[in-house]
Amino acid sequence: MIFDPMYFLYLAPGMLLALWAQAKVKSTFARASQEPARLTGAAAARHILDAGGLQNVAIEPIAGQLTDHYDPRDKVLRLSQNVYGARSLAAVGIAAHEAGHALQDAKNYAPLVIRNAAVPLASFGGSISTLLIFAGLAMVYAQMAMGTYLMIGGIIAFSCVAFFQLVNLPVEFDASNRAKALLVSHGIVPEQDMGPINSVLNAAAWTYVAGTLQTVMILLYYIMRSGLLGGGDD
């Protein structure tokens, strides 16, 4: 059979960590949202960007919750409704994190450059890898030699997704570290009040770790099923 319980055993660690991390983000964000800040999220981000010479980077509101992101193509920082106009520690923490990505982009931060370059490959690999792997598995069960080659192609394609996830980790960690330092150095948040922001950004970091772990474990499962490590089906 193509689908087997081993897949869920490989998937479980990353999935469980992701569920925990998402719950942690929501709870810490909710608590930090009750802590007032001197500036709104948008104002805090504008202050950081302007101080870094990035007056050309626009800040726009975007629908949704925790949909905040920096778009390096359009040079736009988009902040969700609970961040853009909110005057809370949660809002300024998330906004500063996204401003950190804009600063990375301006300074050609190497991991970000690599991550952005890997986006097309990761997108293509993610869309085609599953088709290739399961088509290959079906052919292997049918004792067709082409099946092994399809599975190898699928594994290579999915490796692009895993590579993207791995290189994304230092990008996100660095953005959070920049945010924490900049909020204090620019006087936006006193150092003694940084606890809730640290909790939110640290919880968010675990979501990236969980996503990476899940991707790597799926890749290992595909390799195991292919027999490349000697663990495939006879």
C-alpha atoms as a PDB file:
ATOM      1  CA  MET A   1       0.000   0.000   0.000  1.00  0.00           C
ATOM      2  CA  ILE A   2       1.184   3.532  -0.758  1.00  0.00           C
ATOM      3  CA  PHE A   3      -0.143   5.148   2.412  1.00  0.00           C
ATOM      4  CA  ASP A   4       1.212   3.663   5.615  1.00  0.00           C
ATOM      5  CA  PRO A   5       1.319   4.501   9.344  1.00  0.00           C
ATOM      6  CA  MET A   6       5.039   5.284   9.165  1.00  0.00           C
ATOM      7  CA  TYR A   7       4.215   8.543   7.402  1.00  0.00           C
ATOM      8  CA  PHE A   8       2.292   9.783  10.437  1.00  0.00           C
ATOM      9  CA  LEU A   9       5.062   8.656  12.784  1.00  0.00           C
ATOM     10  CA  TYR A  10       7.510  10.816  10.840  1.00  0.00           C
ATOM     11  CA  LEU A  11       4.994  13.662  10.645  1.00  0.00           C
ATOM     12  CA  ALA A  12       3.982  13.605  14.325  1.00  0.00           C
ATOM     13  CA  PRO A  13       6.963  15.409  15.959  1.00  0.00           C
ATOM     14  CA  GLY A  14       6.734  18.460  13.726  1.00  0.00           C
ATOM     15  CA  MET A  15       2.943  18.532  13.829  1.00  0.00           C
ATOM     16  CA  LEU A  16       2.808  18.343  17.630  1.00  0.00           C
ATOM     17  CA  LEU A  17       5.450  21.039  17.962  1.00  0.00           C
ATOM     18  CA  ALA A  18       3.548  23.214  15.479  1.00  0.00           C
ATOM     19  CA  LEU A  19       0.286  22.878  17.410  1.00  0.00           C
ATOM     20  CA  TRP A  20       2.052  23.787  20.649  1.00  0.00           C
ATOM     21  CA  ALA A  21       3.860  26.726  19.025  1.00  0.00           C
ATOM     22  CA  GLN A  22       0.685  28.126  17.450  1.00  0.00           C
ATOM     23  CA  ALA A  23      -1.127  27.938  20.775  1.00  0.00           C
ATOM     24  CA  LYS A  24       1.852  29.591  22.453  1.00  0.00           C
ATOM     25  CA  VAL A  25       1.898  32.432  19.927  1.00  0.00           C
ATOM     26  CA  LYS A  26      -1.816  33.090  20.373  1.00  0.00           C
ATOM     27  CA  SER A  27      -1.639  33.086  24.178  1.00  0.00           C
ATOM     28  CA  THR A  28       1.481  35.262  24.426  1.00  0.00           C
ATOM     29  CA  PHE A  29       0.163  37.664  21.787  1.00  0.00           C
ATOM     30  CA  ALA A  30      -3.147  37.964  23.651  1.00  0.00           C
ATOM     31  CA  ARG A  31      -1.351  38.736  26.936  1.00  0.00           C
ATOM     32  CA  ALA A  32       1.068  41.199  25.341  1.00  0.00           C
ATOM     33  CA  SER A  33      -1.857  42.902  23.597  1.00  0.00           C
ATOM     34  CA  GLN A  34      -3.111  43.957  27.031  1.00  0.00           C
ATOM     35  CA  GLU A  35       0.188  45.740  27.797  1.00  0.00           C
ATOM     36  CA  PRO A  36       0.141  49.376  26.592  1.00  0.00           C
ATOM     37  CA  ALA A  37       2.924  50.868  24.473  1.00  0.00           C
ATOM     38  CA  ARG A  38       3.915  54.440  23.675  1.00  0.00           C
ATOM     39  CA  LEU A  39       3.478  53.985  19.922  1.00  0.00           C
ATOM     40  CA  THR A  40       1.211  52.025  17.618  1.00  0.00           C
ATOM     41  CA  GLY A  41       2.692  49.142  15.665  1.00  0.00           C
ATOM     42  CA  ALA A  42       2.757  51.225  12.483  1.00  0.00           C
ATOM     43  CA  ALA A  43       4.383  54.195  14.235  1.00  0.00           C
ATOM     44  CA  ALA A  44       7.028  51.983  15.823  1.00  0.00           C
ATOM     45  CA  ALA A  45       7.856  50.393  12.472  1.00  0.00           C
ATOM     46  CA  ARG A  46       7.997  53.822  10.797  1.00  0.00           C
ATOM     47  CA  HIS A  47      10.396  55.070  13.448  1.00  0.00           C
ATOM     48  CA  ILE A  48      12.717  52.077  12.993  1.00  0.00           C
ATOM     49  CA  LEU A  49      12.607  52.258   9.202  1.00  0.00           C
ATOM     50  CA  ASP A  50      13.271  56.001   9.090  1.00  0.00           C
ATOM     51  CA  ALA A  51      16.151  55.660  11.558  1.00  0.00           C
ATOM     52  CA  GLY A  52      17.629  53.048   9.242  1.00  0.00           C
ATOM     53  CA  GLY A  53      17.332  55.323   6.205  1.00  0.00           C
ATOM     54  CA  LEU A  54      14.415  53.375   4.732  1.00  0.00           C
ATOM     55  CA  GLN A  55      11.967  56.220   4.153  1.00  0.00           C
ATOM     56  CA  ASN A  56      11.157  54.571   0.810  1.00  0.00           C
ATOM     57  CA  VAL A  57       9.621  51.522   2.500  1.00  0.00           C
ATOM     58  CA  ALA A  58       5.874  51.996   2.832  1.00  0.00           C
ATOM     59  CA  ILE A  59       3.714  50.636   5.645  1.00  0.00           C
ATOM     60  CA  GLU A  60       0.237  49.377   4.819  1.00  0.00           C
ATOM     61  CA  PRO A  61      -2.570  47.707   6.799  1.00  0.00           C
ATOM     62  CA  ILE A  62      -3.606  44.215   5.735  1.00  0.00           C
ATOM     63  CA  ALA A  63      -6.610  42.098   6.647  1.00  0.00           C
ATOM     64  CA  GLY A  64      -6.363  39.101   8.937  1.00  0.00           C
ATOM     65  CA  GLN A  65      -4.670  38.226  12.198  1.00  0.00           C
ATOM     66  CA  LEU A  66      -0.896  37.732  12.408  1.00  0.00           C
ATOM     67  CA  THR A  67      -0.657  38.128   8.626  1.00  0.00           C
ATOM     68  CA  ASP A  68       2.158  40.638   9.047  1.00  0.00           C
ATOM     69  CA  HIS A  69       4.997  40.450   6.517  1.00  0.00           C
ATOM     70  CA  TYR A  70       7.564  42.439   4.578  1.00  0.00           C
ATOM     71  CA  ASP A  71       7.384  42.304   0.793  1.00  0.00           C
ATOM     72  CA  PRO A  72      10.930  42.726  -0.596  1.00  0.00           C
ATOM     73  CA  ARG A  73       9.680  43.096  -4.175  1.00  0.00           C
ATOM     74  CA  ASP A  74       7.420  46.085  -3.557  1.00  0.00           C
ATOM     75  CA  LYS A  75       9.405  47.367  -0.545  1.00  0.00           C
ATOM     76  CA  VAL A  76       6.245  47.400   1.546  1.00  0.00           C
ATOM     77  CA  LEU A  77       5.761  46.391   5.161  1.00  0.00           C
ATOM     78  CA  ARG A  78       2.225  45.102   5.675  1.00  0.00           C
ATOM     79  CA  LEU A  79       0.790  44.932   9.182  1.00  0.00           C
ATOM     80  CA  SER A  80      -2.366  43.139  10.299  1.00  0.00           C
ATOM     81  CA  GLN A  81      -5.295  44.895  11.924  1.00  0.00           C
ATOM     82  CA  ASN A  82      -4.223  43.934  15.449  1.00  0.00           C
ATOM     83  CA  VAL A  83      -0.765  45.379  14.867  1.00  0.00           C
ATOM     84  CA  TYR A  84      -1.036  48.374  12.526  1.00  0.00           C
ATOM     85  CA  GLY A  85      -3.125  50.669  14.703  1.00  0.00           C
ATOM     86  CA  ALA A  86      -2.777  48.956  18.078  1.00  0.00           C
ATOM     87  CA  ARG A  87      -0.849  50.687  20.840  1.00  0.00           C
ATOM     88  CA  SER A  88       0.378  47.581  22.643  1.00  0.00           C
ATOM     89  CA  LEU A  89       3.637  45.755  23.335  1.00  0.00           C
ATOM     90  CA  ALA A  90       2.459  42.889  21.138  1.00  0.00           C
ATOM     91  CA  ALA A  91       1.877  45.266  18.228  1.00  0.00           C
ATOM     92  CA  VAL A  92       5.214  47.069  18.435  1.00  0.00           C
ATOM     93  CA  GLY A  93       7.058  43.750  18.860  1.00  0.00           C
ATOM     94  CA  ILE A  94       5.570  42.211  15.718  1.00  0.00           C
ATOM     95  CA  ALA A  95       5.947  45.466  13.764  1.00  0.00           C
ATOM     96  CA  ALA A  96       9.603  45.757  14.795  1.00  0.00           C
ATOM     97  CA  HIS A  97      10.223  42.159  13.696  1.00  0.00           C
ATOM     98  CA  GLU A  98       8.880  42.924  10.224  1.00  0.00           C
ATOM     99  CA  ALA A  99      10.878  46.149  10.100  1.00  0.00           C
ATOM    100  CA  GLY A 100      13.884  43.982  10.882  1.00  0.00           C
ATOM    101  CA  HIS A 101      13.272  42.122   7.613  1.00  0.00           C
ATOM    102  CA  ALA A 102      13.283  45.422   5.730  1.00  0.00           C
ATOM    103  CA  LEU A 103      16.627  46.293   7.315  1.00  0.00           C
ATOM    104  CA  GLN A 104      17.961  42.865   6.344  1.00  0.00           C
ATOM    105  CA  ASP A 105      16.879  43.511   2.770  1.00  0.00           C
ATOM    106  CA  ALA A 106      18.530  46.935   2.700  1.00  0.00           C
ATOM    107  CA  LYS A 107      21.792  45.493   4.000  1.00  0.00           C
ATOM    108  CA  ASN A 108      21.683  42.459   1.665  1.00  0.00           C
ATOM    109  CA  TYR A 109      21.716  40.106   4.656  1.00  0.00           C
ATOM    110  CA  ALA A 110      23.102  36.925   3.089  1.00  0.00           C
ATOM    111  CA  PRO A 111      20.567  34.375   4.442  1.00  0.00           C
ATOM    112  CA  LEU A 112      17.702  36.614   3.274  1.00  0.00           C
ATOM    113  CA  VAL A 113      19.227  36.931  -0.193  1.00  0.00           C
ATOM    114  CA  ILE A 114      19.559  33.147  -0.364  1.00  0.00           C
ATOM    115  CA  ARG A 115      16.021  32.633   0.952  1.00  0.00           C
ATOM    116  CA  ASN A 116      14.503  35.018  -1.581  1.00  0.00           C
ATOM    117  CA  ALA A 117      16.421  33.327  -4.391  1.00  0.00           C
ATOM    118  CA  ALA A 118      15.160  29.932  -3.193  1.00  0.00           C
ATOM    119  CA  VAL A 119      11.478  30.925  -3.236  1.00  0.00           C
ATOM    120  CA  PRO A 120      10.764  29.910  -6.886  1.00  0.00           C
ATOM    121  CA  LEU A 121      12.522  26.548  -6.461  1.00  0.00           C
ATOM    122  CA  ALA A 122      10.770  25.861  -3.166  1.00  0.00           C
ATOM    123  CA  SER A 123       7.388  26.757  -4.665  1.00  0.00           C
ATOM    124  CA  PHE A 124       7.948  24.547  -7.703  1.00  0.00           C
ATOM    125  CA  GLY A 125       9.404  21.722  -5.607  1.00  0.00           C
ATOM    126  CA  GLY A 126       6.509  21.784  -3.181  1.00  0.00           C
ATOM    127  CA  SER A 127       3.946  21.598  -5.971  1.00  0.00           C
ATOM    128  CA  ILE A 128       5.520  18.769  -7.962  1.00  0.00           C
ATOM    129  CA  SER A 129       7.336  16.645  -5.369  1.00  0.00           C
ATOM    130  CA  THR A 130       4.303  14.813  -3.952  1.00  0.00           C
ATOM    131  CA  LEU A 131       3.052  13.917  -7.443  1.00  0.00           C
ATOM    132  CA  LEU A 132       6.447  12.539  -8.456  1.00  0.00           C
ATOM    133  CA  ILE A 133       6.987  10.592  -5.232  1.00  0.00           C
ATOM    134  CA  PHE A 134       3.598   8.907  -5.087  1.00  0.00           C
ATOM    135  CA  ALA A 135       3.594   8.219  -8.815  1.00  0.00           C
ATOM    136  CA  GLY A 136       7.010   6.671  -8.299  1.00  0.00           C
ATOM    137  CA  LEU A 137       5.757   4.575  -5.384  1.00  0.00           C
ATOM    138  CA  ALA A 138       2.874   3.284  -7.485  1.00  0.00           C
ATOM    139  CA  MET A 139       5.302   2.273 -10.229  1.00  0.00           C
ATOM    140  CA  VAL A 140       7.621   0.606  -7.718  1.00  0.00           C
ATOM    141  CA  TYR A 141       4.743  -1.515  -6.441  1.00  0.00           C
ATOM    142  CA  ALA A 142       3.956  -2.344 -10.064  1.00  0.00           C
ATOM    143  CA  GLN A 143       7.619  -3.355 -10.468  1.00  0.00           C
ATOM    144  CA  MET A 144       8.294  -0.666 -13.055  1.00  0.00           C
ATOM    145  CA  ALA A 145      11.915   0.526 -13.071  1.00  0.00           C
ATOM    146  CA  MET A 146      10.926   4.122 -13.843  1.00  0.00           C
ATOM    147  CA  GLY A 147       9.330   4.384 -10.389  1.00  0.00           C
ATOM    148  CA  THR A 148      12.664   4.703  -8.597  1.00  0.00           C
ATOM    149  CA  TYR A 149      13.746   7.568 -10.855  1.00  0.00           C
ATOM    150  CA  LEU A 150      10.469   9.401 -10.295  1.00  0.00           C
ATOM    151  CA  MET A 151      10.882   9.053  -6.542  1.00  0.00           C
ATOM    152  CA  ILE A 152      14.437  10.378  -6.688  1.00  0.00           C
ATOM    153  CA  GLY A 153      13.198  13.330  -8.740  1.00  0.00           C
ATOM    154  CA  GLY A 154      10.471  13.970  -6.194  1.00  0.00           C
ATOM    155  CA  ILE A 155      12.954  13.812  -3.323  1.00  0.00           C
ATOM    156  CA  ILE A 156      15.236  16.315  -5.054  1.00  0.00           C
ATOM    157  CA  ALA A 157      12.259  18.616  -5.625  1.00  0.00           C
ATOM    158  CA  PHE A 158      11.130  18.354  -2.001  1.00  0.00           C
ATOM    159  CA  SER A 159      14.712  18.994  -0.864  1.00  0.00           C
ATOM    160  CA  CYS A 160      14.266  22.510  -2.247  1.00  0.00           C
ATOM    161  CA  VAL A 161      11.422  23.018   0.236  1.00  0.00           C
ATOM    162  CA  ALA A 162      13.560  21.705   3.091  1.00  0.00           C
ATOM    163  CA  PHE A 163      16.449  23.963   2.058  1.00  0.00           C
ATOM    164  CA  PHE A 164      14.129  26.984   2.048  1.00  0.00           C
ATOM    165  CA  GLN A 165      12.879  26.136   5.526  1.00  0.00           C
ATOM    166  CA  LEU A 166      16.392  25.674   6.880  1.00  0.00           C
ATOM    167  CA  VAL A 167      17.742  28.935   5.481  1.00  0.00           C
ATOM    168  CA  ASN A 168      14.618  30.730   6.721  1.00  0.00           C
ATOM    169  CA  LEU A 169      15.507  30.003  10.362  1.00  0.00           C
ATOM    170  CA  PRO A 170      18.473  32.396  10.651  1.00  0.00           C
ATOM    171  CA  VAL A 171      16.467  35.023   8.742  1.00  0.00           C
ATOM    172  CA  GLU A 172      13.634  34.931  11.274  1.00  0.00           C
ATOM    173  CA  PHE A 173      15.892  34.669  14.325  1.00  0.00           C
ATOM    174  CA  ASP A 174      17.961  37.626  13.162  1.00  0.00           C
ATOM    175  CA  ALA A 175      14.859  39.740  12.509  1.00  0.00           C
ATOM    176  CA  SER A 176      13.631  39.068  16.052  1.00  0.00           C
ATOM    177  CA  ASN A 177      17.029  39.870  17.550  1.00  0.00           C
ATOM    178  CA  ARG A 178      17.156  43.116  15.565  1.00  0.00           C
ATOM    179  CA  ALA A 179      13.633  43.994  16.737  1.00  0.00           C
ATOM    180  CA  LYS A 180      14.461  43.463  20.407  1.00  0.00           C
ATOM    181  CA  ALA A 181      17.625  45.558  20.195  1.00  0.00           C
ATOM    182  CA  LEU A 182      16.065  48.367  18.129  1.00  0.00           C
ATOM    183  CA  LEU A 183      13.008  48.788  20.327  1.00  0.00           C
ATOM    184  CA  VAL A 184      15.266  49.429  23.306  1.00  0.00           C
ATOM    185  CA  SER A 185      17.974  51.460  21.549  1.00  0.00           C
ATOM    186  CA  HIS A 186      15.401  53.781  19.932  1.00  0.00           C
ATOM    187  CA  GLY A 187      13.561  54.278  23.226  1.00  0.00           C
ATOM    188  CA  ILE A 188      10.327  52.805  21.916  1.00  0.00           C
ATOM    189  CA  VAL A 189      10.075  50.292  24.749  1.00  0.00           C
ATOM    190  CA  PRO A 190      12.031  50.499  28.030  1.00  0.00           C
ATOM    191  CA  GLU A 191      14.257  47.478  28.580  1.00  0.00           C
ATOM    192  CA  GLN A 192      12.388  46.550  31.759  1.00  0.00           C
ATOM    193  CA  ASP A 193       9.149  46.296  29.752  1.00  0.00           C
ATOM    194  CA  MET A 194      10.530  43.972  27.065  1.00  0.00           C
ATOM    195  CA  GLY A 195       9.361  40.744  28.741  1.00  0.00           C
ATOM    196  CA  PRO A 196       6.027  40.400  26.884  1.00  0.00           C
ATOM    197  CA  ILE A 197       7.686  41.241  23.547  1.00  0.00           C
ATOM    198  CA  ASN A 198      10.419  38.673  24.124  1.00  0.00           C
ATOM    199  CA  SER A 199       7.742  36.078  24.892  1.00  0.00           C
ATOM    200  CA  VAL A 200       5.803  36.829  21.687  1.00  0.00           C
ATOM    201  CA  LEU A 201       8.853  36.770  19.420  1.00  0.00           C
ATOM    202  CA  ASN A 202      10.312  33.668  21.070  1.00  0.00           C
ATOM    203  CA  ALA A 203       6.982  31.854  20.664  1.00  0.00           C
ATOM    204  CA  ALA A 204       6.842  32.899  17.008  1.00  0.00           C
ATOM    205  CA  ALA A 205      10.342  31.491  16.520  1.00  0.00           C
ATOM    206  CA  TRP A 206       9.096  28.072  17.577  1.00  0.00           C
ATOM    207  CA  THR A 207       6.566  28.082  14.713  1.00  0.00           C
ATOM    208  CA  TYR A 208       9.458  28.349  12.244  1.00  0.00           C
ATOM    209  CA  VAL A 209      11.340  25.575  14.037  1.00  0.00           C
ATOM    210  CA  ALA A 210       8.229  23.393  13.899  1.00  0.00           C
ATOM    211  CA  GLY A 211       7.739  24.030  10.182  1.00  0.00           C
ATOM    212  CA  THR A 212      11.355  23.158   9.480  1.00  0.00           C
ATOM    213  CA  LEU A 213      11.222  19.990  11.596  1.00  0.00           C
ATOM    214  CA  GLN A 214       8.041  18.852   9.868  1.00  0.00           C
ATOM    215  CA  THR A 215       9.547  19.400   6.404  1.00  0.00           C
ATOM    216  CA  VAL A 216      12.792  17.618   7.256  1.00  0.00           C
ATOM    217  CA  MET A 217      10.956  14.642   8.765  1.00  0.00           C
ATOM    218  CA  ILE A 218       8.768  14.297   5.660  1.00  0.00           C
ATOM    219  CA  LEU A 219      11.895  14.410   3.505  1.00  0.00           C
ATOM    220  CA  LEU A 220      13.450  11.642   5.603  1.00  0.00           C
ATOM    221  CA  TYR A 221      10.266   9.592   5.214  1.00  0.00           C
ATOM    222  CA  TYR A 222      10.401   9.958   1.436  1.00  0.00           C
ATOM    223  CA  ILE A 223      14.069   8.928   1.429  1.00  0.00           C
ATOM    224  CA  MET A 224      13.268   5.930   3.620  1.00  0.00           C
ATOM    225  CA  ARG A 225      10.426   4.828   1.340  1.00  0.00           C
ATOM    226  CA  SER A 226      12.600   5.237  -1.729  1.00  0.00           C
ATOM    227  CA  GLY A 227      15.104   2.715  -0.391  1.00  0.00           C
ATOM    228  CA  LEU A 228      18.019   5.131  -0.801  1.00  0.00           C
ATOM    229  CA  LEU A 229      18.956   4.462   2.815  1.00  0.00           C
ATOM    230  CA  GLY A 230      18.247   0.760   2.590  1.00  0.00           C
ATOM    231  CA  GLY A 231      14.856   1.123   4.302  1.00  0.00           C
ATOM    232  CA  GLY A 232      12.528   0.817   1.348  1.00  0.00           C
ATOM    233  CA  ASP A 233      10.199  -1.957   0.360  1.00  0.00           C
ATOM    234  CA  ASP A 234      11.598  -4.990  -1.421  1.00  0.00           C
END
